[in-house]
């Protein structure tokens, strides 16, 4: 579907990260864009206002007067929403976010699609940075805030569109993964694990979705796959596109060796098909981030970039907000904000921080905010993952009703199980009690990491303020 410039496009649930970015992209393309959302707050509301996009608080059929030429319905919207019901009853044309991305932006470009349970946002942002720094002038959409750019999207004149391929569903009328819409020419598969228990019944359903995606890559395309993931290995024999693996183990086509971790990040030697390419510096810690870098560098080489250009660009990667984002150093307490909430991501993040900051006590602060976190399915694995921290602090589950018929997750039970192993662990039910506890507990030399895909109720800022009150901030 295409519309002439100047057409009116309305977005329902416009203030989400991806929907807000889409609104900006459509505005740059010359469309008249409006939106609505139940939560219209800065910084997204400010960004949209600066772009000249009128976003109204709440949902009402009146927001569809005059009738838009197209309505984009976000995946947070369910049947019964007054605007969605008006769209259906009045036969107004509507699409999901991934459909609009495909039809208005991706089609006609070389689509680089980054997928996997973990690492999508960092890898997408890194490829976008490498391609931009090396003058390929790409377009991209990242489901996060890349620190090398002033916003989460860019519309370039180059041949490539780099997009984060989410396996979550697309809309109430399209209950399948967003990544099916993105016309992958280069497909990156970082890893596959069970997640999104509100969408998928089991791991087999997720593997099936990825198998279908792999089958969509053309023969003149490319699949870059984590060579150590058994669930990915299951998919590759049926691929008709060329496959190149990446990883840290012998046999990977793109391999990192001689890893050296420090507080500044990770230095490694890049090998291609067993031959040394050179030494690269990544300003991030953790083996999983090295794998993200391997996939990104491989995509860069296939786009015609040189080792020298890629080396310089990689060293200047500033990361993504809430992905090992350093909030500050206050009274020698290092504060880091991270999106990790799946037990694998938690373990990898804590392992990486233990290596890069060996002299610091790790205080892991966890908010079980995702729909999957509301269920008890990962409790055993959380016990193992958070055992890597020096101190563990958990808070209550937001919206525990999302567990539905499954056994609900109990942070109190997780804390009790960790305490039984001798690990200092604490349950604090609200932000105020957590901030007070952490301000008293954290001492010079500690590293406090906030781990959540939610907002944590502003805990990060409250702790910064409390620590600053006892000592000046050192940036």
Foldseek 3Di string as FASTA:
>chain_A
DDDDAAFEEEEEQCQAQQNLVVQLVSVVVRYQYEYEYQDQDPPSVVVCVVSVYHYYHAAACVVCVVPGQEYEYFAVDDPPGHNVVSCVVVVRHYDWSLQCCLPPPQPQAAEEEEDEPDDLQQLLLLLVLLCVLQPQFEWEAGSFAFPVDPGRTDHGPHRYYYYYFAQAFTHNVTLGTSNVSRQHQEYEYLEADDDDVVRDVHSVVVLVNVLVVLQRHDQNGEYEYAPPHPSVVVRPVPHNHHYFYEADDPPGQWHWDDWDAALQEIKTWIDGNNHTQGIAGARHWFRSVVRSLSVSVVVVVVVPDHPVSSRVSRSPRPTTPQCQQFPFQFQQETEGGHADDQLVSLQRRLVRCCRHQVQAQEEEEEALEDLRSQAQPCLVSNLVRCLSGQEYEYEDYPPSCSCPPHHTHDPVVSQVVNVVVVRHYYYDHALVVVLVVCLVPDHNRHYYYYYHNDDRNCSSVSNVVSSCVVGNIDD
